[in-house]
Amino acid sequence: MSREAHGYGGHGSSLRDLPRLRSARRGRESSWDRSGGNRDHLVLEPGSAATVCDLRGAGCITHIWITVAPVARRAPTTREREEMLRRVVLRMTWDDAPGPSVLTPLGDFFGVGHARATNFASLPLQMSPEDGRGFNCFFPMPFASAARIEVESEMVEEELSFYYYVDYERYDHLEDGLGRFHACWHRENPTAGVVRGDEDNEEFLYGGVNLDGAANYVILEAEGRGHYVGCVLNLLSLRSGDEFDWYGEGDDMIFIDGEGFPPSLHGTGTEDYFNTAWCPTQTYSAPYHGITLAGGENWGGPISLYRFHVEDPVMFERSIRVTIEHGHANKRSDDVSSVAYWYQSLPHLPLGLAPVEERLPRPLET
């Protein structure tokens, strides 16, 4: 390694910083056809896994692009094809740690839940045309000695064509003070709500109290030193009938370093935490927040939202617990899932992922 490729560096990534000369060496791992032909993809057999990259030394992954599709693309759509983005698992491990720091379904990691893809653009994540099937991630992922990215297909019948780029920089060393990138998936299906009883709809949606946050939906629970940088939250209403079914009265509550109630960061409602307002019904994407799936009529269909703390990361020295109510006072019993993104020092709490049967999206009534 040349002496110029000395480390991560103090430069930023703004347009103003682009003229600053940098000392690093670029590299890329991709699925290009080593025979020189045009079969520029891996074939993932049902139940198989593949290593996307296995880098040694110090560096930082700067961009990941992925697209995936059934090998037999012209075959009729099946339930398994509709589940594909929850049946493919993404793992990332830094510095030969004993367990992965990223462990999520593929589609959810790139910003949309429910095994859906749709066009949207945020600063760190994008799904690009055609129909959101070009997945992009720009979260920086530094590593001191090793970086390994793996994918696993839990399809039962379908072979998958898997295309990818992993762009990175190589350094002579990685300086101290850089956290490792993490992401984890969680689902409660359904959340533990309350029996409505004889309450009218307004009282059910807006009544009750929550003065401890103990029953909130948990987006992230981590220990160590780091900072939380955002999440994707997915909801599907499990209520029936034609009554007004707004989902978004659940307050966000973030507990830092074991603090009690009320936490330092206590919000006012789901749509407020995601920087929208007044029961939004529209899709929208901005650099740090958006609604990729709006739910349709009376919010009865799949909903997916994102909020990234790029300018306002939530720091923690010992622990963090990122939560949100599932309906005001945790009254709603819905299908809720999420991906949390954060940086922290190693080691981290072990990450788990529900078995494939518990990850699959619910069939929608037609």
Protein backbone atom coordinates (compact mmCIF):
# COMPACT_ATOMS: atom_id res chain seq x y z
CA MET A 1 0.00 0.00 0.00
CA SER A 2 1.42 3.40 -0.93
CA ARG A 3 2.05 5.75 1.93
CA GLU A 4 -0.49 8.22 0.46
CA ALA A 5 -3.38 5.86 1.28
CA HIS A 6 -2.96 6.61 4.96
CA GLY A 7 -6.42 6.65 6.51
CA TYR A 8 -10.06 7.60 6.59
CA GLY A 9 -9.22 11.31 6.57
CA GLY A 10 -10.92 14.42 7.84
CA HIS A 11 -12.75 15.35 4.65
CA GLY A 12 -16.51 15.48 4.39
CA SER A 13 -18.72 14.57 1.45
CA SER A 14 -20.36 17.92 0.68
CA LEU A 15 -20.01 19.63 -2.68
CA ARG A 16 -17.78 22.22 -1.02
CA ASP A 17 -15.34 19.52 0.10
CA LEU A 18 -15.02 17.78 -3.26
CA PRO A 19 -11.94 19.84 -4.32
CA ARG A 20 -9.97 18.62 -1.26
CA LEU A 21 -7.37 16.13 -2.47
CA ARG A 22 -7.73 12.80 -0.72
CA SER A 23 -5.31 10.01 0.09
CA ALA A 24 -6.91 6.61 -0.44
CA ARG A 25 -7.16 3.90 -3.07
CA ARG A 26 -10.51 3.01 -4.63
CA GLY A 27 -11.64 -0.55 -5.14
CA ARG A 28 -14.74 -2.46 -6.20
CA GLU A 29 -16.19 -5.93 -5.83
CA SER A 30 -18.91 -6.74 -8.36
CA SER A 31 -20.72 -9.60 -10.02
CA TRP A 32 -19.12 -9.03 -13.43
CA ASP A 33 -18.79 -12.10 -15.66
CA ARG A 34 -15.23 -13.39 -15.19
CA SER A 35 -15.44 -15.19 -18.54
CA GLY A 36 -15.75 -11.87 -20.35
CA GLY A 37 -19.36 -12.55 -21.30
CA ASN A 38 -22.53 -10.79 -20.23
CA ARG A 39 -23.74 -13.06 -17.42
CA ASP A 40 -22.94 -10.38 -14.86
CA HIS A 41 -24.70 -11.97 -11.91
CA LEU A 42 -24.52 -14.67 -9.31
CA VAL A 43 -27.11 -17.42 -9.35
CA LEU A 44 -28.53 -17.98 -5.87
CA GLU A 45 -30.02 -21.46 -5.66
CA PRO A 46 -32.91 -21.98 -3.19
CA GLY A 47 -31.43 -22.29 0.29
CA SER A 48 -27.95 -21.21 -0.77
CA ALA A 49 -25.66 -18.40 0.41
CA ALA A 50 -22.93 -16.38 -1.30
CA THR A 51 -20.13 -14.08 -0.18
CA VAL A 52 -20.47 -10.75 -1.95
CA CYS A 53 -17.15 -9.40 -0.68
CA ASP A 54 -14.44 -10.46 1.77
CA LEU A 55 -11.99 -7.59 2.17
CA ARG A 56 -8.79 -7.72 4.22
CA GLY A 57 -7.04 -4.70 5.70
CA ALA A 58 -8.38 -1.26 6.56
CA GLY A 59 -10.89 0.68 4.51
CA CYS A 60 -14.43 1.99 4.15
CA ILE A 61 -17.30 0.78 1.99
CA THR A 62 -18.77 3.91 0.39
CA HIS A 63 -21.55 2.57 -1.85
CA ILE A 64 -23.51 -0.64 -2.42
CA TRP A 65 -25.76 -1.31 -5.42
CA ILE A 66 -27.85 -4.48 -5.71
CA THR A 67 -30.63 -5.79 -7.88
CA VAL A 68 -32.20 -9.24 -7.74
CA ALA A 69 -34.79 -11.10 -9.79
CA PRO A 70 -35.96 -14.64 -10.49
CA VAL A 71 -33.83 -16.37 -13.11
CA ALA A 72 -37.01 -17.37 -14.96
CA ARG A 73 -38.23 -13.79 -15.25
CA ARG A 74 -41.05 -14.45 -17.70
CA ALA A 75 -42.73 -17.05 -15.49
CA PRO A 76 -46.04 -16.11 -13.83
CA THR A 77 -45.97 -14.26 -10.52
CA THR A 78 -46.25 -16.54 -7.51
CA ARG A 79 -46.61 -15.96 -3.80
CA GLU A 80 -42.94 -16.88 -3.34
CA ARG A 81 -41.91 -14.23 -5.87
CA GLU A 82 -43.94 -11.64 -3.97
CA GLU A 83 -42.06 -12.64 -0.80
CA MET A 84 -38.59 -12.53 -2.36
CA LEU A 85 -37.33 -9.37 -0.65
CA ARG A 86 -38.13 -10.87 2.76
CA ARG A 87 -36.73 -14.30 1.82
CA VAL A 88 -33.26 -12.97 0.92
CA VAL A 89 -31.10 -12.14 3.97
CA LEU A 90 -28.26 -9.60 4.07
CA ARG A 91 -25.35 -9.96 6.53
CA MET A 92 -22.33 -7.70 7.11
CA THR A 93 -19.49 -8.42 9.52
CA TRP A 94 -16.63 -6.08 10.42
CA ASP A 95 -13.13 -6.94 11.66
CA ASP A 96 -13.82 -10.67 12.00
CA ALA A 97 -16.29 -10.09 14.84
CA PRO A 98 -18.02 -13.26 16.10
CA GLY A 99 -21.39 -12.15 14.70
CA PRO A 100 -22.77 -9.82 12.02
CA SER A 101 -23.34 -6.11 12.60
CA VAL A 102 -25.97 -6.03 9.84
CA LEU A 103 -28.67 -8.71 9.77
CA THR A 104 -31.85 -7.85 7.86
CA PRO A 105 -34.10 -8.93 5.00
CA LEU A 106 -32.73 -7.47 1.78
CA GLY A 107 -35.62 -5.21 0.79
CA ASP A 108 -36.16 -3.77 4.26
CA PHE A 109 -32.47 -2.82 4.53
CA PHE A 110 -32.76 -0.65 1.42
CA GLY A 111 -35.66 1.35 2.83
CA VAL A 112 -39.05 -0.24 2.08
CA GLY A 113 -40.85 -3.00 4.00
CA HIS A 114 -43.55 -5.56 3.19
CA ALA A 115 -41.29 -7.19 0.54
CA ARG A 116 -42.10 -4.22 -1.71
CA ALA A 117 -39.94 -2.09 -4.00
CA THR A 118 -40.85 1.41 -5.15
CA ASN A 119 -38.97 4.40 -6.52
CA PHE A 120 -37.76 6.79 -3.81
CA ALA A 121 -34.68 8.88 -3.03
CA SER A 122 -33.17 9.70 0.36
CA LEU A 123 -29.62 10.72 1.16
CA PRO A 124 -28.32 7.34 2.41
CA LEU A 125 -30.73 4.94 0.68
CA GLN A 126 -32.50 4.85 -2.67
CA MET A 127 -34.62 2.50 -4.72
CA SER A 128 -34.25 3.47 -8.37
CA PRO A 129 -36.08 2.66 -11.61
CA GLU A 130 -37.28 0.34 -12.92
CA ASP A 131 -40.02 0.25 -10.28
CA GLY A 132 -37.54 0.64 -7.43
CA ARG A 133 -35.57 -2.50 -8.25
CA GLY A 134 -32.18 -0.76 -8.25
CA PHE A 135 -31.15 -0.74 -4.56
CA ASN A 136 -28.52 1.77 -3.42
CA CYS A 137 -26.87 2.42 -0.05
CA PHE A 138 -24.46 5.31 0.66
CA PHE A 139 -24.00 4.79 4.41
CA PRO A 140 -20.21 4.83 5.02
CA MET A 141 -19.03 1.53 6.51
CA PRO A 142 -15.47 1.75 7.89
CA PHE A 143 -13.45 -1.30 8.94
CA ALA A 144 -10.01 -1.72 10.51
CA SER A 145 -8.99 -5.23 9.43
CA ALA A 146 -11.79 -6.97 7.50
CA ALA A 147 -15.21 -6.53 5.89
CA ARG A 148 -17.47 -9.37 4.80
CA ILE A 149 -20.87 -9.08 3.11
CA GLU A 150 -22.99 -12.19 2.56
CA VAL A 151 -26.42 -12.91 1.13
CA GLU A 152 -28.60 -15.95 1.68
CA SER A 153 -31.64 -17.04 -0.28
CA GLU A 154 -34.44 -18.70 1.65
CA MET A 155 -36.51 -19.24 -1.45
CA VAL A 156 -37.95 -22.73 -1.77
CA GLU A 157 -38.28 -23.11 -5.54
CA GLU A 158 -36.95 -20.05 -7.36
CA GLU A 159 -33.38 -19.49 -8.51
CA LEU A 160 -32.38 -15.84 -8.26
CA SER A 161 -30.12 -13.66 -10.41
CA PHE A 162 -28.16 -11.45 -8.02
CA TYR A 163 -26.22 -8.44 -9.33
CA TYR A 164 -24.08 -6.17 -7.16
CA TYR A 165 -21.41 -3.48 -6.80
CA VAL A 166 -19.56 -2.87 -3.54
CA ASP A 167 -17.43 0.29 -3.85
CA TYR A 168 -14.82 0.98 -1.19
CA GLU A 169 -11.63 2.82 -0.24
CA ARG A 170 -8.48 1.11 1.07
CA TYR A 171 -6.23 2.68 3.72
CA ASP A 172 -2.96 1.90 5.42
CA HIS A 173 -4.80 2.10 8.73
CA LEU A 174 -8.13 3.15 10.23
CA GLU A 175 -7.78 5.72 12.95
CA ASP A 176 -9.49 5.45 16.32
CA GLY A 177 -12.89 6.97 17.01
CA LEU A 178 -14.85 5.51 14.09
CA GLY A 179 -17.89 3.40 14.90
CA ARG A 180 -18.90 0.38 12.86
CA PHE A 181 -22.13 0.47 10.86
CA HIS A 182 -25.02 -1.64 12.19
CA ALA A 183 -28.56 -2.47 11.09
CA CYS A 184 -31.13 -4.85 12.57
CA TRP A 185 -34.69 -5.90 11.73
CA HIS A 186 -37.54 -6.37 14.18
CA ARG A 187 -41.22 -7.29 13.86
CA GLU A 188 -44.23 -7.65 16.13
CA ASN A 189 -47.09 -9.34 14.30
CA PRO A 190 -49.33 -8.27 15.86
CA THR A 191 -48.32 -5.71 18.44
CA ALA A 192 -49.83 -6.31 21.89
CA GLY A 193 -52.70 -3.82 21.87
CA VAL A 194 -55.83 -3.65 24.00
CA VAL A 195 -59.34 -4.98 23.57
CA ARG A 196 -61.54 -2.12 22.42
CA GLY A 197 -64.55 -3.13 24.46
CA ASP A 198 -67.32 -0.53 24.48
CA GLU A 199 -65.12 2.45 23.59
CA ASP A 200 -66.19 4.46 20.59
CA ASN A 201 -63.65 4.86 17.78
CA GLU A 202 -62.45 8.29 18.90
CA GLU A 203 -61.79 7.12 22.45
CA PHE A 204 -60.01 4.02 21.16
CA LEU A 205 -57.73 6.03 18.86
CA TYR A 206 -57.06 9.00 21.12
CA GLY A 207 -57.89 8.02 24.72
CA GLY A 208 -55.81 6.46 27.47
CA VAL A 209 -52.42 7.26 29.03
CA ASN A 210 -48.87 5.95 28.78
CA LEU A 211 -46.56 7.11 31.56
CA ASP A 212 -43.71 4.62 31.33
CA GLY A 213 -43.18 3.56 27.68
CA ALA A 214 -42.72 -0.06 28.78
CA ALA A 215 -45.09 -1.54 26.19
CA ASN A 216 -43.85 0.55 23.25
CA TYR A 217 -42.72 -1.09 20.03
CA VAL A 218 -38.90 -1.37 20.19
CA ILE A 219 -37.02 -0.24 17.08
CA LEU A 220 -33.53 -0.57 18.58
CA GLU A 221 -31.98 -1.78 21.81
CA ALA A 222 -28.18 -1.52 21.86
CA GLU A 223 -25.35 -1.42 24.37
CA GLY A 224 -21.96 0.24 24.00
CA ARG A 225 -20.93 3.65 22.72
CA GLY A 226 -22.33 4.99 19.49
CA HIS A 227 -25.05 6.97 17.78
CA TYR A 228 -28.41 6.05 16.27
CA VAL A 229 -28.81 7.37 12.73
CA GLY A 230 -32.36 6.42 11.79
CA CYS A 231 -34.93 3.80 10.91
CA VAL A 232 -37.49 2.47 8.51
CA LEU A 233 -40.89 1.70 10.05
CA ASN A 234 -43.52 -0.50 8.36
CA LEU A 235 -47.14 -0.88 9.40
CA LEU A 236 -50.18 -2.82 8.26
CA SER A 237 -53.51 -2.22 9.98
CA LEU A 238 -55.20 -5.37 11.23
CA ARG A 239 -58.47 -3.64 12.09
CA SER A 240 -61.55 -4.46 10.05
CA GLY A 241 -64.52 -2.30 9.15
CA ASP A 242 -64.97 1.16 7.68
CA GLU A 243 -64.29 3.32 10.74
CA PHE A 244 -61.61 6.02 10.57
CA ASP A 245 -58.38 4.04 10.93
CA TRP A 246 -55.55 6.55 11.35
CA TYR A 247 -52.46 4.73 12.66
CA GLY A 248 -50.25 7.62 13.67
CA GLU A 249 -50.99 8.72 17.24
CA GLY A 250 -48.07 6.75 18.70
CA ASP A 251 -45.38 8.92 20.30
CA ASP A 252 -41.68 8.24 19.73
CA MET A 253 -39.60 7.80 22.90
CA ILE A 254 -35.81 7.36 22.87
CA PHE A 255 -34.19 6.32 26.16
CA ILE A 256 -30.46 7.08 26.39
CA ASP A 257 -27.97 5.45 28.81
CA GLY A 258 -30.62 3.81 30.97
CA GLU A 259 -32.61 6.95 31.75
CA GLY A 260 -36.12 6.63 33.16
CA PHE A 261 -39.43 8.07 32.04
CA PRO A 262 -39.87 10.62 30.56
CA PRO A 263 -36.89 10.14 28.27
CA SER A 264 -34.77 13.02 26.99
CA LEU A 265 -36.31 12.56 23.53
CA HIS A 266 -40.12 12.29 23.72
CA GLY A 267 -42.15 13.08 20.62
CA THR A 268 -45.76 13.86 19.79
CA GLY A 269 -46.86 11.27 17.21
CA THR A 270 -45.78 8.86 14.52
CA GLU A 271 -46.20 11.25 11.60
CA ASP A 272 -44.42 13.95 13.61
CA TYR A 273 -41.32 11.80 14.20
CA PHE A 274 -41.23 11.08 10.46
CA ASN A 275 -41.43 14.86 9.81
CA THR A 276 -44.86 14.84 8.14
CA ALA A 277 -48.18 16.21 9.39
CA TRP A 278 -51.97 15.90 9.55
CA CYS A 279 -52.54 12.22 8.82
CA PRO A 280 -50.58 12.04 5.54
CA THR A 281 -52.00 10.02 2.67
CA GLN A 282 -49.34 10.80 0.05
CA THR A 283 -46.01 9.24 -0.86
CA TYR A 284 -43.06 11.58 -0.44
CA SER A 285 -39.27 11.32 -0.34
CA ALA A 286 -36.73 13.83 0.97
CA PRO A 287 -33.05 13.44 1.98
CA TYR A 288 -33.82 12.62 5.63
CA HIS A 289 -37.47 11.56 5.81
CA GLY A 290 -40.27 10.20 3.70
CA ILE A 291 -43.27 7.95 3.08
CA THR A 292 -42.56 5.32 0.46
CA LEU A 293 -45.83 3.40 0.90
CA ALA A 294 -48.78 5.51 2.08
CA GLY A 295 -51.32 2.80 2.83
CA GLY A 296 -54.10 3.60 0.38
CA GLU A 297 -57.72 4.25 1.31
CA ASN A 298 -58.20 4.78 5.05
CA TRP A 299 -54.56 3.65 5.52
CA GLY A 300 -55.70 0.07 5.02
CA GLY A 301 -52.73 -1.13 2.97
CA PRO A 302 -48.97 -1.39 3.52
CA ILE A 303 -47.29 1.67 5.01
CA SER A 304 -43.54 2.32 5.02
CA LEU A 305 -41.79 5.42 6.39
CA TYR A 306 -38.18 6.47 6.95
CA ARG A 307 -36.35 8.98 9.16
CA PHE A 308 -32.56 9.42 9.03
CA HIS A 309 -30.64 11.32 11.71
CA VAL A 310 -27.79 12.48 9.48
CA GLU A 311 -27.63 16.04 10.80
CA ASP A 312 -28.91 15.08 14.25
CA PRO A 313 -27.54 11.66 15.31
CA VAL A 314 -28.64 10.44 18.75
CA MET A 315 -25.49 9.76 20.78
CA PHE A 316 -25.23 7.22 23.58
CA GLU A 317 -22.33 6.31 25.87
CA ARG A 318 -23.65 3.06 27.37
CA SER A 319 -27.00 2.10 25.87
CA ILE A 320 -29.96 3.22 23.80
CA ARG A 321 -33.57 2.10 23.50
CA VAL A 322 -35.46 3.56 20.54
CA THR A 323 -39.21 3.00 20.84
CA ILE A 324 -42.55 4.19 19.50
CA GLU A 325 -46.12 3.60 20.67
CA HIS A 326 -48.28 1.36 18.49
CA GLY A 327 -51.23 3.71 18.48
CA HIS A 328 -51.77 6.16 21.33
CA ALA A 329 -51.11 4.44 24.69
CA ASN A 330 -50.16 1.28 22.75
CA LYS A 331 -53.78 0.41 22.01
CA ARG A 332 -53.39 -0.81 18.43
CA SER A 333 -52.71 -4.42 17.44
CA ASP A 334 -51.11 -4.12 14.01
CA ASP A 335 -48.38 -5.77 11.97
CA VAL A 336 -45.34 -3.56 12.71
CA SER A 337 -41.76 -4.08 11.55
CA SER A 338 -38.65 -1.94 11.33
CA VAL A 339 -34.99 -1.60 10.46
CA ALA A 340 -32.75 0.48 12.77
CA TYR A 341 -29.44 1.95 11.58
CA TRP A 342 -26.65 2.98 13.92
CA TYR A 343 -22.90 3.22 14.46
CA GLN A 344 -21.15 1.90 17.53
CA SER A 345 -17.89 0.50 18.83
CA LEU A 346 -17.37 -3.26 18.88
CA PRO A 347 -18.38 -5.56 20.47
CA HIS A 348 -22.18 -5.21 20.13
CA LEU A 349 -25.13 -7.15 21.45
CA PRO A 350 -25.74 -10.26 19.32
CA LEU A 351 -28.24 -9.68 16.52
CA GLY A 352 -31.04 -12.11 15.77
CA LEU A 353 -33.39 -12.53 12.84
CA ALA A 354 -36.77 -14.23 12.90
CA PRO A 355 -37.09 -17.41 10.83
CA VAL A 356 -38.35 -16.92 7.31
CA GLU A 357 -41.92 -18.00 8.14
CA GLU A 358 -42.15 -15.12 10.64
CA ARG A 359 -40.73 -12.55 8.21
CA LEU A 360 -43.10 -13.07 5.29
CA PRO A 361 -45.54 -10.28 4.48
CA ARG A 362 -49.20 -10.88 5.15
CA PRO A 363 -51.28 -11.66 2.06
CA LEU A 364 -53.46 -8.66 1.24
CA GLU A 365 -57.18 -9.12 0.77
CA THR A 366 -58.35 -8.49 -2.79
